[in-house]
PDB file of N, CA and C in Angstrom:
ATOM      1  N   MET A   1      -4.031  65.988 -66.741  1.00  0.00           N
ATOM      2  CA  MET A   1      -4.475  64.662 -67.145  1.00  0.00           C
ATOM      3  C   MET A   1      -5.930  64.478 -66.697  1.00  0.00           C
ATOM      4  N   ASP A   2      -6.785  64.080 -67.619  1.00  0.00           N
ATOM      5  CA  ASP A   2      -8.188  63.874 -67.249  1.00  0.00           C
ATOM      6  C   ASP A   2      -8.376  62.487 -66.631  1.00  0.00           C
ATOM      7  N   ASN A   3      -9.505  62.302 -65.959  1.00  0.00           N
ATOM      8  CA  ASN A   3      -9.764  61.036 -65.266  1.00  0.00           C
ATOM      9  C   ASN A   3      -9.725  59.828 -66.174  1.00  0.00           C
ATOM     10  N   ALA A   4     -10.160  59.984 -67.421  1.00  0.00           N
ATOM     11  CA  ALA A   4     -10.211  58.848 -68.336  1.00  0.00           C
ATOM     12  C   ALA A   4      -8.819  58.298 -68.648  1.00  0.00           C
ATOM     13  N   SER A   5      -7.790  59.129 -68.559  1.00  0.00           N
ATOM     14  CA  SER A   5      -6.443  58.673 -68.879  1.00  0.00           C
ATOM     15  C   SER A   5      -5.656  58.249 -67.634  1.00  0.00           C
ATOM     16  N   ARG A   6      -6.250  58.388 -66.470  1.00  0.00           N
ATOM     17  CA  ARG A   6      -5.603  57.962 -65.223  1.00  0.00           C
ATOM     18  C   ARG A   6      -5.932  56.500 -64.948  1.00  0.00           C
ATOM     19  N   PRO A   7      -5.097  55.841 -64.126  1.00  0.00           N
ATOM     20  CA  PRO A   7      -5.344  54.438 -63.785  1.00  0.00           C
ATOM     21  C   PRO A   7      -6.697  54.230 -63.103  1.00  0.00           C
ATOM     22  N   ARG A   8      -7.273  53.061 -63.350  1.00  0.00           N
ATOM     23  CA  ARG A   8      -8.566  52.690 -62.770  1.00  0.00           C
ATOM     24  C   ARG A   8      -8.383  51.472 -61.878  1.00  0.00           C
ATOM     25  N   VAL A   9      -8.848  51.573 -60.663  1.00  0.00           N
ATOM     26  CA  VAL A   9      -8.831  50.447 -59.731  1.00  0.00           C
ATOM     27  C   VAL A   9     -10.257  49.928 -59.613  1.00  0.00           C
ATOM     28  N   SER A  10     -10.403  48.615 -59.608  1.00  0.00           N
ATOM     29  CA  SER A  10     -11.704  48.025 -59.317  1.00  0.00           C
ATOM     30  C   SER A  10     -11.540  47.064 -58.145  1.00  0.00           C
ATOM     31  N   ILE A  11     -12.533  47.055 -57.288  1.00  0.00           N
ATOM     32  CA  ILE A  11     -12.561  46.136 -56.154  1.00  0.00           C
ATOM     33  C   ILE A  11     -13.827  45.314 -56.285  1.00  0.00           C
ATOM     34  N   GLU A  12     -13.650  44.061 -56.656  1.00  0.00           N
ATOM     35  CA  GLU A  12     -14.785  43.140 -56.770  1.00  0.00           C
ATOM     36  C   GLU A  12     -14.965  42.457 -55.425  1.00  0.00           C
ATOM     37  N   TYR A  13     -16.169  42.549 -54.888  1.00  0.00           N
ATOM     38  CA  TYR A  13     -16.443  42.030 -53.550  1.00  0.00           C
ATOM     39  C   TYR A  13     -17.682  41.147 -53.580  1.00  0.00           C
ATOM     40  N   CYS A  14     -17.771  40.243 -52.623  1.00  0.00           N
ATOM     41  CA  CYS A  14     -18.898  39.319 -52.541  1.00  0.00           C
ATOM     42  C   CYS A  14     -20.073  39.957 -51.803  1.00  0.00           C
ATOM     43  N   THR A  15     -21.196  40.063 -52.518  1.00  0.00           N
ATOM     44  CA  THR A  15     -22.401  40.616 -51.891  1.00  0.00           C
ATOM     45  C   THR A  15     -23.016  39.618 -50.912  1.00  0.00           C
ATOM     46  N   GLN A  16     -22.874  38.321 -51.195  1.00  0.00           N
ATOM     47  CA  GLN A  16     -23.418  37.289 -50.308  1.00  0.00           C
ATOM     48  C   GLN A  16     -22.719  37.303 -48.950  1.00  0.00           C
ATOM     49  N   CYS A  17     -21.429  37.669 -48.962  1.00  0.00           N
ATOM     50  CA  CYS A  17     -20.628  37.696 -47.735  1.00  0.00           C
ATOM     51  C   CYS A  17     -20.709  39.043 -47.019  1.00  0.00           C
ATOM     52  N   ARG A  18     -21.410  39.999 -47.640  1.00  0.00           N
ATOM     53  CA  ARG A  18     -21.574  41.335 -47.055  1.00  0.00           C
ATOM     54  C   ARG A  18     -20.239  42.070 -46.915  1.00  0.00           C
ATOM     55  N   TRP A  19     -19.415  42.018 -47.950  1.00  0.00           N
ATOM     56  CA  TRP A  19     -18.099  42.649 -47.900  1.00  0.00           C
ATOM     57  C   TRP A  19     -18.076  44.039 -48.524  1.00  0.00           C
ATOM     58  N   LEU A  20     -19.249  44.636 -48.743  1.00  0.00           N
ATOM     59  CA  LEU A  20     -19.305  45.979 -49.316  1.00  0.00           C
ATOM     60  C   LEU A  20     -18.569  46.997 -48.454  1.00  0.00           C
ATOM     61  N   LEU A  21     -18.772  46.986 -47.152  1.00  0.00           N
ATOM     62  CA  LEU A  21     -18.124  47.975 -46.284  1.00  0.00           C
ATOM     63  C   LEU A  21     -16.603  47.842 -46.334  1.00  0.00           C
ATOM     64  N   ARG A  22     -16.106  46.633 -46.363  1.00  0.00           N
ATOM     65  CA  ARG A  22     -14.664  46.403 -46.458  1.00  0.00           C
ATOM     66  C   ARG A  22     -14.145  46.956 -47.788  1.00  0.00           C
ATOM     67  N   ALA A  23     -14.861  46.684 -48.869  1.00  0.00           N
ATOM     68  CA  ALA A  23     -14.460  47.169 -50.195  1.00  0.00           C
ATOM     69  C   ALA A  23     -14.514  48.694 -50.241  1.00  0.00           C
ATOM     70  N   ALA A  24     -15.552  49.277 -49.670  1.00  0.00           N
ATOM     71  CA  ALA A  24     -15.699  50.732 -49.667  1.00  0.00           C
ATOM     72  C   ALA A  24     -14.592  51.388 -48.847  1.00  0.00           C
ATOM     73  N   TRP A  25     -14.229  50.781 -47.739  1.00  0.00           N
ATOM     74  CA  TRP A  25     -13.144  51.318 -46.917  1.00  0.00           C
ATOM     75  C   TRP A  25     -11.828  51.278 -47.684  1.00  0.00           C
ATOM     76  N   MET A  26     -11.561  50.166 -48.367  1.00  0.00           N
ATOM     77  CA  MET A  26     -10.337  50.062 -49.173  1.00  0.00           C
ATOM     78  C   MET A  26     -10.346  51.121 -50.284  1.00  0.00           C
ATOM     79  N   ALA A  27     -11.496  51.326 -50.901  1.00  0.00           N
ATOM     80  CA  ALA A  27     -11.618  52.345 -51.950  1.00  0.00           C
ATOM     81  C   ALA A  27     -11.315  53.723 -51.379  1.00  0.00           C
ATOM     82  N   GLN A  28     -11.853  54.021 -50.211  1.00  0.00           N
ATOM     83  CA  GLN A  28     -11.604  55.305 -49.559  1.00  0.00           C
ATOM     84  C   GLN A  28     -10.120  55.484 -49.264  1.00  0.00           C
ATOM     85  N   GLU A  29      -9.471  54.464 -48.758  1.00  0.00           N
ATOM     86  CA  GLU A  29      -8.041  54.523 -48.470  1.00  0.00           C
ATOM     87  C   GLU A  29      -7.233  54.831 -49.733  1.00  0.00           C
ATOM     88  N   LEU A  30      -7.574  54.165 -50.824  1.00  0.00           N
ATOM     89  CA  LEU A  30      -6.856  54.387 -52.082  1.00  0.00           C
ATOM     90  C   LEU A  30      -7.131  55.778 -52.649  1.00  0.00           C
ATOM     91  N   LEU A  31      -8.377  56.210 -52.608  1.00  0.00           N
ATOM     92  CA  LEU A  31      -8.722  57.534 -53.132  1.00  0.00           C
ATOM     93  C   LEU A  31      -8.085  58.649 -52.312  1.00  0.00           C
ATOM     94  N   THR A  32      -7.960  58.444 -51.030  1.00  0.00           N
ATOM     95  CA  THR A  32      -7.328  59.446 -50.173  1.00  0.00           C
ATOM     96  C   THR A  32      -5.825  59.502 -50.426  1.00  0.00           C
ATOM     97  N   THR A  33      -5.196  58.360 -50.536  1.00  0.00           N
ATOM     98  CA  THR A  33      -3.749  58.294 -50.742  1.00  0.00           C
ATOM     99  C   THR A  33      -3.346  58.751 -52.134  1.00  0.00           C
ATOM    100  N   PHE A  34      -4.121  58.365 -53.144  1.00  0.00           N
ATOM    101  CA  PHE A  34      -3.775  58.659 -54.540  1.00  0.00           C
ATOM    102  C   PHE A  34      -4.791  59.616 -55.157  1.00  0.00           C
ATOM    103  N   ASP A  35      -5.140  60.667 -54.423  1.00  0.00           N
ATOM    104  CA  ASP A  35      -6.217  61.562 -54.827  1.00  0.00           C
ATOM    105  C   ASP A  35      -5.997  62.241 -56.173  1.00  0.00           C
ATOM    106  N   GLY A  36      -4.789  62.497 -56.573  1.00  0.00           N
ATOM    107  CA  GLY A  36      -4.551  63.143 -57.861  1.00  0.00           C
ATOM    108  C   GLY A  36      -4.092  62.201 -58.946  1.00  0.00           C
ATOM    109  N   GLU A  37      -3.920  60.937 -58.592  1.00  0.00           N
ATOM    110  CA  GLU A  37      -3.331  59.994 -59.539  1.00  0.00           C
ATOM    111  C   GLU A  37      -4.299  58.958 -60.100  1.00  0.00           C
ATOM    112  N   LEU A  38      -5.333  58.631 -59.355  1.00  0.00           N
ATOM    113  CA  LEU A  38      -6.292  57.634 -59.828  1.00  0.00           C
ATOM    114  C   LEU A  38      -7.464  58.318 -60.522  1.00  0.00           C
ATOM    115  N   GLY A  39      -7.911  57.741 -61.603  1.00  0.00           N
ATOM    116  CA  GLY A  39      -9.071  58.269 -62.303  1.00  0.00           C
ATOM    117  C   GLY A  39     -10.371  57.766 -61.730  1.00  0.00           C
ATOM    118  N   GLU A  40     -10.294  56.576 -61.112  1.00  0.00           N
ATOM    119  CA  GLU A  40     -11.524  55.958 -60.616  1.00  0.00           C
ATOM    120  C   GLU A  40     -11.180  54.793 -59.712  1.00  0.00           C
ATOM    121  N   VAL A  41     -11.999  54.590 -58.699  1.00  0.00           N
ATOM    122  CA  VAL A  41     -11.995  53.356 -57.926  1.00  0.00           C
ATOM    123  C   VAL A  41     -13.428  52.859 -57.963  1.00  0.00           C
ATOM    124  N   ALA A  42     -13.632  51.733 -58.609  1.00  0.00           N
ATOM    125  CA  ALA A  42     -14.976  51.185 -58.794  1.00  0.00           C
ATOM    126  C   ALA A  42     -15.212  50.013 -57.852  1.00  0.00           C
ATOM    127  N   LEU A  43     -16.416  49.957 -57.298  1.00  0.00           N
ATOM    128  CA  LEU A  43     -16.841  48.817 -56.492  1.00  0.00           C
ATOM    129  C   LEU A  43     -17.696  47.928 -57.383  1.00  0.00           C
ATOM    130  N   VAL A  44     -17.289  46.667 -57.510  1.00  0.00           N
ATOM    131  CA  VAL A  44     -17.923  45.737 -58.431  1.00  0.00           C
ATOM    132  C   VAL A  44     -18.550  44.587 -57.641  1.00  0.00           C
ATOM    133  N   PRO A  45     -19.881  44.522 -57.580  1.00  0.00           N
ATOM    134  CA  PRO A  45     -20.530  43.434 -56.844  1.00  0.00           C
ATOM    135  C   PRO A  45     -20.269  42.080 -57.499  1.00  0.00           C
ATOM    136  N   GLY A  46     -20.010  41.091 -56.663  1.00  0.00           N
ATOM    137  CA  GLY A  46     -19.796  39.729 -57.140  1.00  0.00           C
ATOM    138  C   GLY A  46     -20.395  38.751 -56.150  1.00  0.00           C
ATOM    139  N   THR A  47     -20.118  37.482 -56.356  1.00  0.00           N
ATOM    140  CA  THR A  47     -20.618  36.434 -55.470  1.00  0.00           C
ATOM    141  C   THR A  47     -19.529  35.387 -55.277  1.00  0.00           C
ATOM    142  N   GLY A  48     -19.838  34.397 -54.455  1.00  0.00           N
ATOM    143  CA  GLY A  48     -18.937  33.259 -54.304  1.00  0.00           C
ATOM    144  C   GLY A  48     -17.676  33.537 -53.510  1.00  0.00           C
ATOM    145  N   GLY A  49     -17.723  34.514 -52.612  1.00  0.00           N
ATOM    146  CA  GLY A  49     -16.565  34.784 -51.762  1.00  0.00           C
ATOM    147  C   GLY A  49     -15.473  35.593 -52.427  1.00  0.00           C
ATOM    148  N   THR A  50     -15.789  36.253 -53.531  1.00  0.00           N
ATOM    149  CA  THR A  50     -14.766  36.999 -54.259  1.00  0.00           C
ATOM    150  C   THR A  50     -14.374  38.295 -53.548  1.00  0.00           C
ATOM    151  N   PHE A  51     -13.088  38.586 -53.565  1.00  0.00           N
ATOM    152  CA  PHE A  51     -12.561  39.889 -53.169  1.00  0.00           C
ATOM    153  C   PHE A  51     -11.270  40.051 -53.966  1.00  0.00           C
ATOM    154  N   VAL A  52     -11.387  40.762 -55.091  1.00  0.00           N
ATOM    155  CA  VAL A  52     -10.272  40.911 -56.026  1.00  0.00           C
ATOM    156  C   VAL A  52     -10.072  42.389 -56.323  1.00  0.00           C
ATOM    157  N   VAL A  53      -8.832  42.835 -56.213  1.00  0.00           N
ATOM    158  CA  VAL A  53      -8.477  44.216 -56.516  1.00  0.00           C
ATOM    159  C   VAL A  53      -7.675  44.207 -57.812  1.00  0.00           C
ATOM    160  N   ARG A  54      -8.132  45.021 -58.767  1.00  0.00           N
ATOM    161  CA  ARG A  54      -7.463  45.110 -60.067  1.00  0.00           C
ATOM    162  C   ARG A  54      -7.072  46.551 -60.355  1.00  0.00           C
ATOM    163  N   LEU A  55      -5.961  46.705 -61.075  1.00  0.00           N
ATOM    164  CA  LEU A  55      -5.531  48.013 -61.560  1.00  0.00           C
ATOM    165  C   LEU A  55      -5.475  47.909 -63.076  1.00  0.00           C
ATOM    166  N   ASP A  56      -6.323  48.668 -63.744  1.00  0.00           N
ATOM    167  CA  ASP A  56      -6.429  48.617 -65.209  1.00  0.00           C
ATOM    168  C   ASP A  56      -6.551  47.169 -65.711  1.00  0.00           C
ATOM    169  N   GLY A  57      -7.353  46.378 -64.989  1.00  0.00           N
ATOM    170  CA  GLY A  57      -7.625  45.004 -65.389  1.00  0.00           C
ATOM    171  C   GLY A  57      -6.647  43.968 -64.871  1.00  0.00           C
ATOM    172  N   GLU A  58      -5.497  44.388 -64.383  1.00  0.00           N
ATOM    173  CA  GLU A  58      -4.478  43.461 -63.859  1.00  0.00           C
ATOM    174  C   GLU A  58      -4.775  43.168 -62.395  1.00  0.00           C
ATOM    175  N   VAL A  59      -4.801  41.907 -62.030  1.00  0.00           N
ATOM    176  CA  VAL A  59      -5.069  41.530 -60.640  1.00  0.00           C
ATOM    177  C   VAL A  59      -3.880  41.929 -59.766  1.00  0.00           C
ATOM    178  N   LEU A  60      -4.165  42.772 -58.777  1.00  0.00           N
ATOM    179  CA  LEU A  60      -3.149  43.148 -57.791  1.00  0.00           C
ATOM    180  C   LEU A  60      -3.235  42.261 -56.566  1.00  0.00           C
ATOM    181  N   PHE A  61      -4.465  41.912 -56.193  1.00  0.00           N
ATOM    182  CA  PHE A  61      -4.661  41.098 -55.000  1.00  0.00           C
ATOM    183  C   PHE A  61      -5.933  40.283 -55.150  1.00  0.00           C
ATOM    184  N   SER A  62      -5.821  39.019 -54.814  1.00  0.00           N
ATOM    185  CA  SER A  62      -6.971  38.115 -54.838  1.00  0.00           C
ATOM    186  C   SER A  62      -7.055  37.402 -53.490  1.00  0.00           C
ATOM    187  N   ARG A  63      -8.173  37.554 -52.832  1.00  0.00           N
ATOM    188  CA  ARG A  63      -8.383  36.875 -51.559  1.00  0.00           C
ATOM    189  C   ARG A  63      -8.280  35.364 -51.728  1.00  0.00           C
ATOM    190  N   ALA A  64      -8.789  34.846 -52.829  1.00  0.00           N
ATOM    191  CA  ALA A  64      -8.749  33.407 -53.078  1.00  0.00           C
ATOM    192  C   ALA A  64      -7.306  32.905 -53.187  1.00  0.00           C
ATOM    193  N   GLU A  65      -6.459  33.659 -53.861  1.00  0.00           N
ATOM    194  CA  GLU A  65      -5.062  33.240 -54.023  1.00  0.00           C
ATOM    195  C   GLU A  65      -4.261  33.407 -52.737  1.00  0.00           C
ATOM    196  N   ALA A  66      -4.493  34.513 -52.021  1.00  0.00           N
ATOM    197  CA  ALA A  66      -3.718  34.814 -50.813  1.00  0.00           C
ATOM    198  C   ALA A  66      -4.255  34.107 -49.571  1.00  0.00           C
ATOM    199  N   GLY A  67      -5.540  33.732 -49.602  1.00  0.00           N
ATOM    200  CA  GLY A  67      -6.144  33.089 -48.440  1.00  0.00           C
ATOM    201  C   GLY A  67      -6.478  34.068 -47.321  1.00  0.00           C
ATOM    202  N   ARG A  68      -6.520  35.351 -47.662  1.00  0.00           N
ATOM    203  CA  ARG A  68      -6.790  36.397 -46.673  1.00  0.00           C
ATOM    204  C   ARG A  68      -7.165  37.681 -47.407  1.00  0.00           C
ATOM    205  N   PHE A  69      -7.585  38.685 -46.639  1.00  0.00           N
ATOM    206  CA  PHE A  69      -7.844  40.004 -47.203  1.00  0.00           C
ATOM    207  C   PHE A  69      -6.537  40.787 -47.246  1.00  0.00           C
ATOM    208  N   PRO A  70      -6.449  41.782 -48.133  1.00  0.00           N
ATOM    209  CA  PRO A  70      -5.245  42.613 -48.145  1.00  0.00           C
ATOM    210  C   PRO A  70      -5.259  43.593 -46.974  1.00  0.00           C
ATOM    211  N   GLU A  71      -4.102  43.928 -46.485  1.00  0.00           N
ATOM    212  CA  GLU A  71      -3.963  45.014 -45.521  1.00  0.00           C
ATOM    213  C   GLU A  71      -3.980  46.317 -46.314  1.00  0.00           C
ATOM    214  N   SER A  72      -4.467  47.383 -45.712  1.00  0.00           N
ATOM    215  CA  SER A  72      -4.507  48.681 -46.368  1.00  0.00           C
ATOM    216  C   SER A  72      -3.111  49.099 -46.842  1.00  0.00           C
ATOM    217  N   LYS A  73      -2.137  48.972 -45.965  1.00  0.00           N
ATOM    218  CA  LYS A  73      -0.746  49.323 -46.276  1.00  0.00           C
ATOM    219  C   LYS A  73      -0.247  48.543 -47.483  1.00  0.00           C
ATOM    220  N   GLU A  74      -0.532  47.258 -47.497  1.00  0.00           N
ATOM    221  CA  GLU A  74      -0.102  46.371 -48.576  1.00  0.00           C
ATOM    222  C   GLU A  74      -0.731  46.786 -49.908  1.00  0.00           C
ATOM    223  N   LEU A  75      -2.016  47.095 -49.878  1.00  0.00           N
ATOM    224  CA  LEU A  75      -2.720  47.487 -51.092  1.00  0.00           C
ATOM    225  C   LEU A  75      -2.181  48.810 -51.635  1.00  0.00           C
ATOM    226  N   LYS A  76      -1.927  49.752 -50.742  1.00  0.00           N
ATOM    227  CA  LYS A  76      -1.354  51.032 -51.165  1.00  0.00           C
ATOM    228  C   LYS A  76       0.009  50.825 -51.819  1.00  0.00           C
ATOM    229  N   GLN A  77       0.817  49.943 -51.257  1.00  0.00           N
ATOM    230  CA  GLN A  77       2.131  49.671 -51.825  1.00  0.00           C
ATOM    231  C   GLN A  77       2.009  49.021 -53.202  1.00  0.00           C
ATOM    232  N   LEU A  78       1.075  48.100 -53.358  1.00  0.00           N
ATOM    233  CA  LEU A  78       0.872  47.442 -54.649  1.00  0.00           C
ATOM    234  C   LEU A  78       0.454  48.440 -55.727  1.00  0.00           C
ATOM    235  N   VAL A  79      -0.461  49.352 -55.368  1.00  0.00           N
ATOM    236  CA  VAL A  79      -0.899  50.371 -56.323  1.00  0.00           C
ATOM    237  C   VAL A  79       0.257  51.317 -56.628  1.00  0.00           C
ATOM    238  N   ARG A  80       0.932  51.801 -55.600  1.00  0.00           N
ATOM    239  CA  ARG A  80       2.057  52.712 -55.785  1.00  0.00           C
ATOM    240  C   ARG A  80       3.138  52.111 -56.685  1.00  0.00           C
ATOM    241  N   ASP A  81       3.453  50.831 -56.448  1.00  0.00           N
ATOM    242  CA  ASP A  81       4.505  50.178 -57.232  1.00  0.00           C
ATOM    243  C   ASP A  81       4.175  50.153 -58.719  1.00  0.00           C
ATOM    244  N   ARG A  82       2.893  50.203 -59.076  1.00  0.00           N
ATOM    245  CA  ARG A  82       2.485  50.189 -60.482  1.00  0.00           C
ATOM    246  C   ARG A  82       2.356  51.594 -61.080  1.00  0.00           C
ATOM    247  N   ILE A  83       1.889  52.557 -60.275  1.00  0.00           N
ATOM    248  CA  ILE A  83       1.605  53.870 -60.865  1.00  0.00           C
ATOM    249  C   ILE A  83       2.671  54.928 -60.590  1.00  0.00           C
ATOM    250  N   ASP A  84       3.446  54.772 -59.495  1.00  0.00           N
ATOM    251  CA  ASP A  84       4.469  55.767 -59.152  1.00  0.00           C
ATOM    252  C   ASP A  84       5.504  55.129 -58.226  1.00  0.00           C
ATOM    253  N   PRO A  85       6.339  54.230 -58.777  1.00  0.00           N
ATOM    254  CA  PRO A  85       7.260  53.432 -57.963  1.00  0.00           C
ATOM    255  C   PRO A  85       8.190  54.232 -57.047  1.00  0.00           C
ATOM    256  N   GLY A  86       8.530  55.448 -57.406  1.00  0.00           N
ATOM    257  CA  GLY A  86       9.440  56.236 -56.591  1.00  0.00           C
ATOM    258  C   GLY A  86       8.785  56.984 -55.448  1.00  0.00           C
ATOM    259  N   ARG A  87       7.478  56.923 -55.379  1.00  0.00           N
ATOM    260  CA  ARG A  87       6.735  57.689 -54.374  1.00  0.00           C
ATOM    261  C   ARG A  87       6.910  57.114 -52.973  1.00  0.00           C
ATOM    262  N   ASP A  88       7.118  58.003 -52.011  1.00  0.00           N
ATOM    263  CA  ASP A  88       7.196  57.623 -50.603  1.00  0.00           C
ATOM    264  C   ASP A  88       5.783  57.661 -50.023  1.00  0.00           C
ATOM    265  N   LEU A  89       5.377  56.592 -49.393  1.00  0.00           N
ATOM    266  CA  LEU A  89       4.044  56.521 -48.784  1.00  0.00           C
ATOM    267  C   LEU A  89       4.066  56.838 -47.295  1.00  0.00           C
ATOM    268  N   GLY A  90       5.163  57.396 -46.822  1.00  0.00           N
ATOM    269  CA  GLY A  90       5.232  57.770 -45.410  1.00  0.00           C
ATOM    270  C   GLY A  90       5.089  56.574 -44.495  1.00  0.00           C
ATOM    271  N   HIS A  91       4.139  56.646 -43.570  1.00  0.00           N
ATOM    272  CA  HIS A  91       3.966  55.565 -42.593  1.00  0.00           C
ATOM    273  C   HIS A  91       3.606  54.235 -43.243  1.00  0.00           C
ATOM    274  N   SER A  92       3.035  54.256 -44.429  1.00  0.00           N
ATOM    275  CA  SER A  92       2.677  53.001 -45.103  1.00  0.00           C
ATOM    276  C   SER A  92       3.896  52.288 -45.671  1.00  0.00           C
ATOM    277  N   ASP A  93       5.049  52.956 -45.668  1.00  0.00           N
ATOM    278  CA  ASP A  93       6.273  52.324 -46.148  1.00  0.00           C
ATOM    279  C   ASP A  93       7.169  51.855 -44.987  1.00  0.00           C
ATOM    280  N   ARG A  94       6.823  52.199 -43.778  1.00  0.00           N
ATOM    281  CA  ARG A  94       7.636  51.793 -42.651  1.00  0.00           C
ATOM    282  C   ARG A  94       7.384  50.339 -42.293  1.00  0.00           C
ATOM    283  N   ALA A  95       8.415  49.680 -41.821  1.00  0.00           N
ATOM    284  CA  ALA A  95       8.282  48.282 -41.384  1.00  0.00           C
ATOM    285  C   ALA A  95       7.399  48.229 -40.146  1.00  0.00           C
ATOM    286  N   ASP A  96       6.666  47.134 -40.025  1.00  0.00           N
ATOM    287  CA  ASP A  96       5.778  46.966 -38.845  1.00  0.00           C
ATOM    288  C   ASP A  96       6.573  46.771 -37.582  1.00  0.00           C
TER     289      ASP A  96
END
């Protein structure tokens, strides 16, 4: 499967709030966990306090709606549930 046919994640982050490092870290976590399954993780600059994670255009997590940032474990589970529901994420699937 080529990259163009694999799922695409985008992380829109607020440049005014300096959330690039947080977005880049989340992108790294997703690319490491789903290294053969994702076609792309894009960082999308925004403003106004935005931090939204989308998978193929569908909102998986919105900071505005949740009132907080996503946890890495939570984001991995959200992506996994959409692209490979039967996959075990190891420590990311264990209860806290």
